[in-house]
């Protein structure tokens, strides 16, 4: 069997990918210890050392950057994805007996069914866990019911 579908890498798609991957990771915690050490190091450089105060402000800035990277991690991740060269392009997904082929202007790769270790399905998509590490997300928004049944049939042995 051979199926083909298309979608666009837009803000909504990237947002869905981020949200679904965060659901699997569980609640995230800021690195409080790192921020505290950076602040204490900055205070030491500011009050104890004879080194220029700019080094102290570097550590204060590092702690603030760490806090902001946690607080605004979704917005930061989305912004990085939206400035990538593949953002806004049309993606073609081809499903066949060998696996999933992803074609776009800049990226072409084949994901074999055998390279998928396990998968998690929810109401909006599939999160594929790969043997070599990493994850691949497939949104159901671009998949018709027949294609979803085919994917589910290919992946049921992976559970």
C-alpha atoms as a PDB file:
ATOM      1  CA  UNK A   1       0.000   0.000   0.000  1.00  0.00           C
ATOM      2  CA  UNK A   2       1.079   3.539  -0.709  1.00  0.00           C
ATOM      3  CA  UNK A   3      -0.338   6.656   0.979  1.00  0.00           C
ATOM      4  CA  UNK A   4       0.640  10.267   0.508  1.00  0.00           C
ATOM      5  CA  UNK A   5      -0.370  13.320   2.498  1.00  0.00           C
ATOM      6  CA  UNK A   6       0.733  16.954   2.801  1.00  0.00           C
ATOM      7  CA  UNK A   7       0.918  19.614   5.484  1.00  0.00           C
ATOM      8  CA  UNK A   8       2.624  22.957   6.037  1.00  0.00           C
ATOM      9  CA  UNK A   9       5.207  23.618   8.731  1.00  0.00           C
ATOM     10  CA  UNK A  10       3.449  26.551  10.357  1.00  0.00           C
ATOM     11  CA  UNK A  11       3.150  27.924  13.873  1.00  0.00           C
ATOM     12  CA  UNK A  12       0.137  25.728  14.698  1.00  0.00           C
ATOM     13  CA  UNK A  13       1.953  22.557  13.659  1.00  0.00           C
ATOM     14  CA  UNK A  14       5.081  23.455  15.617  1.00  0.00           C
ATOM     15  CA  UNK A  15       2.964  24.365  18.654  1.00  0.00           C
ATOM     16  CA  UNK A  16       1.196  21.010  18.523  1.00  0.00           C
ATOM     17  CA  UNK A  17       4.552  19.191  18.267  1.00  0.00           C
ATOM     18  CA  UNK A  18       5.930  21.036  21.292  1.00  0.00           C
ATOM     19  CA  UNK A  19       2.806  20.544  23.401  1.00  0.00           C
ATOM     20  CA  UNK A  20       2.573  16.824  22.670  1.00  0.00           C
ATOM     21  CA  UNK A  21       6.253  16.196  23.373  1.00  0.00           C
ATOM     22  CA  UNK A  22       5.963  18.025  26.708  1.00  0.00           C
ATOM     23  CA  UNK A  23       3.014  15.814  27.706  1.00  0.00           C
ATOM     24  CA  UNK A  24       5.230  12.733  27.428  1.00  0.00           C
ATOM     25  CA  UNK A  25       8.127  14.276  29.348  1.00  0.00           C
ATOM     26  CA  UNK A  26       5.973  15.142  32.329  1.00  0.00           C
ATOM     27  CA  UNK A  27       6.214  18.308  34.402  1.00  0.00           C
ATOM     28  CA  UNK A  28       9.468  20.182  33.945  1.00  0.00           C
ATOM     29  CA  UNK A  29      11.271  21.982  36.757  1.00  0.00           C
ATOM     30  CA  UNK A  30      13.580  24.976  36.480  1.00  0.00           C
ATOM     31  CA  UNK A  31      17.216  24.413  37.356  1.00  0.00           C
ATOM     32  CA  UNK A  32      17.103  26.274  40.661  1.00  0.00           C
ATOM     33  CA  UNK A  33      20.489  24.993  41.807  1.00  0.00           C
ATOM     34  CA  UNK A  34      22.207  26.329  38.675  1.00  0.00           C
ATOM     35  CA  UNK A  35      20.516  29.731  39.087  1.00  0.00           C
ATOM     36  CA  UNK A  36      21.458  29.884  42.778  1.00  0.00           C
ATOM     37  CA  UNK A  37      25.100  29.004  42.071  1.00  0.00           C
ATOM     38  CA  UNK A  38      25.256  31.640  39.319  1.00  0.00           C
ATOM     39  CA  UNK A  39      23.809  34.302  41.630  1.00  0.00           C
ATOM     40  CA  UNK A  40      26.116  33.364  44.531  1.00  0.00           C
ATOM     41  CA  UNK A  41      29.128  33.366  42.198  1.00  0.00           C
ATOM     42  CA  UNK A  42      28.091  36.802  40.945  1.00  0.00           C
ATOM     43  CA  UNK A  43      27.782  38.082  44.510  1.00  0.00           C
ATOM     44  CA  UNK A  44      31.214  36.691  45.360  1.00  0.00           C
ATOM     45  CA  UNK A  45      32.770  38.419  42.376  1.00  0.00           C
ATOM     46  CA  UNK A  46      30.926  41.649  43.203  1.00  0.00           C
ATOM     47  CA  UNK A  47      31.737  41.900  46.935  1.00  0.00           C
ATOM     48  CA  UNK A  48      34.734  39.667  47.684  1.00  0.00           C
ATOM     49  CA  UNK A  49      36.896  39.784  44.590  1.00  0.00           C
ATOM     50  CA  UNK A  50      38.907  42.662  43.208  1.00  0.00           C
ATOM     51  CA  UNK A  51      37.938  41.601  39.695  1.00  0.00           C
ATOM     52  CA  UNK A  52      35.935  44.049  37.616  1.00  0.00           C
ATOM     53  CA  UNK A  53      32.187  44.031  38.359  1.00  0.00           C
ATOM     54  CA  UNK A  54      31.382  43.039  34.777  1.00  0.00           C
ATOM     55  CA  UNK A  55      32.153  39.419  35.611  1.00  0.00           C
ATOM     56  CA  UNK A  56      29.612  39.523  38.438  1.00  0.00           C
ATOM     57  CA  UNK A  57      26.966  40.922  36.090  1.00  0.00           C
ATOM     58  CA  UNK A  58      27.770  38.143  33.628  1.00  0.00           C
ATOM     59  CA  UNK A  59      26.747  35.554  36.253  1.00  0.00           C
ATOM     60  CA  UNK A  60      23.624  37.543  37.180  1.00  0.00           C
ATOM     61  CA  UNK A  61      22.715  37.652  33.501  1.00  0.00           C
ATOM     62  CA  UNK A  62      23.352  33.922  33.198  1.00  0.00           C
ATOM     63  CA  UNK A  63      20.931  33.226  36.054  1.00  0.00           C
ATOM     64  CA  UNK A  64      18.316  35.529  34.481  1.00  0.00           C
ATOM     65  CA  UNK A  65      18.773  33.853  31.101  1.00  0.00           C
ATOM     66  CA  UNK A  66      18.302  30.424  32.682  1.00  0.00           C
ATOM     67  CA  UNK A  67      15.073  31.589  34.328  1.00  0.00           C
ATOM     68  CA  UNK A  68      13.775  33.140  31.098  1.00  0.00           C
ATOM     69  CA  UNK A  69      14.667  30.038  29.082  1.00  0.00           C
ATOM     70  CA  UNK A  70      12.478  27.969  31.401  1.00  0.00           C
ATOM     71  CA  UNK A  71       9.629  30.453  31.746  1.00  0.00           C
ATOM     72  CA  UNK A  72       9.372  31.123  27.999  1.00  0.00           C
ATOM     73  CA  UNK A  73      10.598  27.759  26.670  1.00  0.00           C
ATOM     74  CA  UNK A  74       7.591  27.215  24.389  1.00  0.00           C
ATOM     75  CA  UNK A  75       7.811  30.684  22.830  1.00  0.00           C
ATOM     76  CA  UNK A  76      11.589  30.373  22.486  1.00  0.00           C
ATOM     77  CA  UNK A  77      11.324  26.955  20.826  1.00  0.00           C
ATOM     78  CA  UNK A  78       8.581  28.155  18.464  1.00  0.00           C
ATOM     79  CA  UNK A  79      10.585  31.243  17.514  1.00  0.00           C
ATOM     80  CA  UNK A  80      13.628  29.118  16.706  1.00  0.00           C
ATOM     81  CA  UNK A  81      11.528  26.784  14.554  1.00  0.00           C
ATOM     82  CA  UNK A  82       9.811  29.663  12.741  1.00  0.00           C
ATOM     83  CA  UNK A  83      13.128  31.196  11.683  1.00  0.00           C
ATOM     84  CA  UNK A  84      14.432  27.877  10.342  1.00  0.00           C
ATOM     85  CA  UNK A  85      14.728  27.648   6.581  1.00  0.00           C
ATOM     86  CA  UNK A  86      12.111  24.861   6.388  1.00  0.00           C
ATOM     87  CA  UNK A  87       9.391  26.862   8.201  1.00  0.00           C
ATOM     88  CA  UNK A  88       6.379  27.611   6.023  1.00  0.00           C
ATOM     89  CA  UNK A  89       7.240  24.935   3.481  1.00  0.00           C
ATOM     90  CA  UNK A  90       4.921  22.200   2.298  1.00  0.00           C
ATOM     91  CA  UNK A  91       5.880  18.767   3.627  1.00  0.00           C
ATOM     92  CA  UNK A  92       4.953  15.549   1.816  1.00  0.00           C
ATOM     93  CA  UNK A  93       4.658  12.384   3.864  1.00  0.00           C
ATOM     94  CA  UNK A  94       4.705   9.088   1.977  1.00  0.00           C
ATOM     95  CA  UNK A  95       3.715   5.920   3.836  1.00  0.00           C
ATOM     96  CA  UNK A  96       4.491   2.546   2.312  1.00  0.00           C
ATOM     97  CA  UNK A  97       5.612  -0.940   3.338  1.00  0.00           C
ATOM     98  CA  UNK A  98       9.174   0.307   3.985  1.00  0.00           C
ATOM     99  CA  UNK A  99       8.307   3.176   6.313  1.00  0.00           C
ATOM    100  CA  UNK A 100       7.594   6.885   6.342  1.00  0.00           C
ATOM    101  CA  UNK A 101       9.283   9.167   3.843  1.00  0.00           C
ATOM    102  CA  UNK A 102       9.419  12.883   4.569  1.00  0.00           C
ATOM    103  CA  UNK A 103      10.000  15.185   1.594  1.00  0.00           C
ATOM    104  CA  UNK A 104      10.359  18.935   1.529  1.00  0.00           C
ATOM    105  CA  UNK A 105      12.438  21.555  -0.221  1.00  0.00           C
ATOM    106  CA  UNK A 106      15.313  21.216   2.272  1.00  0.00           C
ATOM    107  CA  UNK A 107      14.856  17.896   4.091  1.00  0.00           C
ATOM    108  CA  UNK A 108      14.300  14.413   2.687  1.00  0.00           C
ATOM    109  CA  UNK A 109      14.547  11.386   4.922  1.00  0.00           C
ATOM    110  CA  UNK A 110      13.195   7.870   5.243  1.00  0.00           C
ATOM    111  CA  UNK A 111      12.069   6.480   8.600  1.00  0.00           C
ATOM    112  CA  UNK A 112      11.876   2.686   8.381  1.00  0.00           C
ATOM    113  CA  UNK A 113       9.176   0.907  10.374  1.00  0.00           C
ATOM    114  CA  UNK A 114      11.932  -1.208  11.956  1.00  0.00           C
ATOM    115  CA  UNK A 115      13.688   1.878  13.344  1.00  0.00           C
ATOM    116  CA  UNK A 116      10.655   2.729  15.501  1.00  0.00           C
ATOM    117  CA  UNK A 117      11.028   1.280  18.990  1.00  0.00           C
ATOM    118  CA  UNK A 118       7.608   2.254  20.352  1.00  0.00           C
ATOM    119  CA  UNK A 119       4.859   4.803  19.916  1.00  0.00           C
ATOM    120  CA  UNK A 120       2.343   6.734  21.960  1.00  0.00           C
ATOM    121  CA  UNK A 121      -0.989   7.635  20.436  1.00  0.00           C
ATOM    122  CA  UNK A 122      -3.363  10.307  21.680  1.00  0.00           C
ATOM    123  CA  UNK A 123      -6.314  12.186  20.201  1.00  0.00           C
ATOM    124  CA  UNK A 124      -4.179  14.556  18.109  1.00  0.00           C
ATOM    125  CA  UNK A 125      -1.201  12.504  16.950  1.00  0.00           C
ATOM    126  CA  UNK A 126       1.462   9.839  17.288  1.00  0.00           C
ATOM    127  CA  UNK A 127       4.767  10.251  19.101  1.00  0.00           C
ATOM    128  CA  UNK A 128       7.254   7.765  17.674  1.00  0.00           C
ATOM    129  CA  UNK A 129      10.208   6.696  19.838  1.00  0.00           C
ATOM    130  CA  UNK A 130      13.193   5.715  17.697  1.00  0.00           C
ATOM    131  CA  UNK A 131      15.789   2.998  18.391  1.00  0.00           C
ATOM    132  CA  UNK A 132      18.707   5.397  17.829  1.00  0.00           C
ATOM    133  CA  UNK A 133      17.177   7.847  20.294  1.00  0.00           C
ATOM    134  CA  UNK A 134      14.975  10.813  19.678  1.00  0.00           C
ATOM    135  CA  UNK A 135      11.358  11.203  18.781  1.00  0.00           C
ATOM    136  CA  UNK A 136       9.297  11.927  15.706  1.00  0.00           C
ATOM    137  CA  UNK A 137       5.802  13.397  15.919  1.00  0.00           C
ATOM    138  CA  UNK A 138       3.004  12.741  13.421  1.00  0.00           C
ATOM    139  CA  UNK A 139      -0.058  14.956  13.663  1.00  0.00           C
ATOM    140  CA  UNK A 140      -3.416  13.372  12.892  1.00  0.00           C
ATOM    141  CA  UNK A 141      -4.624  16.654  11.396  1.00  0.00           C
ATOM    142  CA  UNK A 142      -3.169  15.693   8.006  1.00  0.00           C
ATOM    143  CA  UNK A 143      -3.997  11.972   8.201  1.00  0.00           C
ATOM    144  CA  UNK A 144      -7.316  10.556   7.008  1.00  0.00           C
ATOM    145  CA  UNK A 145      -8.906   7.613   8.828  1.00  0.00           C
ATOM    146  CA  UNK A 146      -7.666   5.020   6.319  1.00  0.00           C
ATOM    147  CA  UNK A 147      -4.090   6.257   6.744  1.00  0.00           C
ATOM    148  CA  UNK A 148      -4.439   6.284  10.540  1.00  0.00           C
ATOM    149  CA  UNK A 149      -5.617   2.664  10.412  1.00  0.00           C
ATOM    150  CA  UNK A 150      -2.618   1.748   8.235  1.00  0.00           C
ATOM    151  CA  UNK A 151      -0.172   3.476  10.615  1.00  0.00           C
ATOM    152  CA  UNK A 152      -1.803   1.829  13.600  1.00  0.00           C
ATOM    153  CA  UNK A 153      -1.542  -1.589  11.905  1.00  0.00           C
ATOM    154  CA  UNK A 154       2.164  -1.029  11.182  1.00  0.00           C
ATOM    155  CA  UNK A 155       2.903   0.141  14.716  1.00  0.00           C
ATOM    156  CA  UNK A 156       0.781  -2.210  16.859  1.00  0.00           C
ATOM    157  CA  UNK A 157       3.659  -4.683  17.125  1.00  0.00           C
ATOM    158  CA  UNK A 158       5.777  -1.856  18.633  1.00  0.00           C
ATOM    159  CA  UNK A 159       3.790  -1.527  21.885  1.00  0.00           C
END
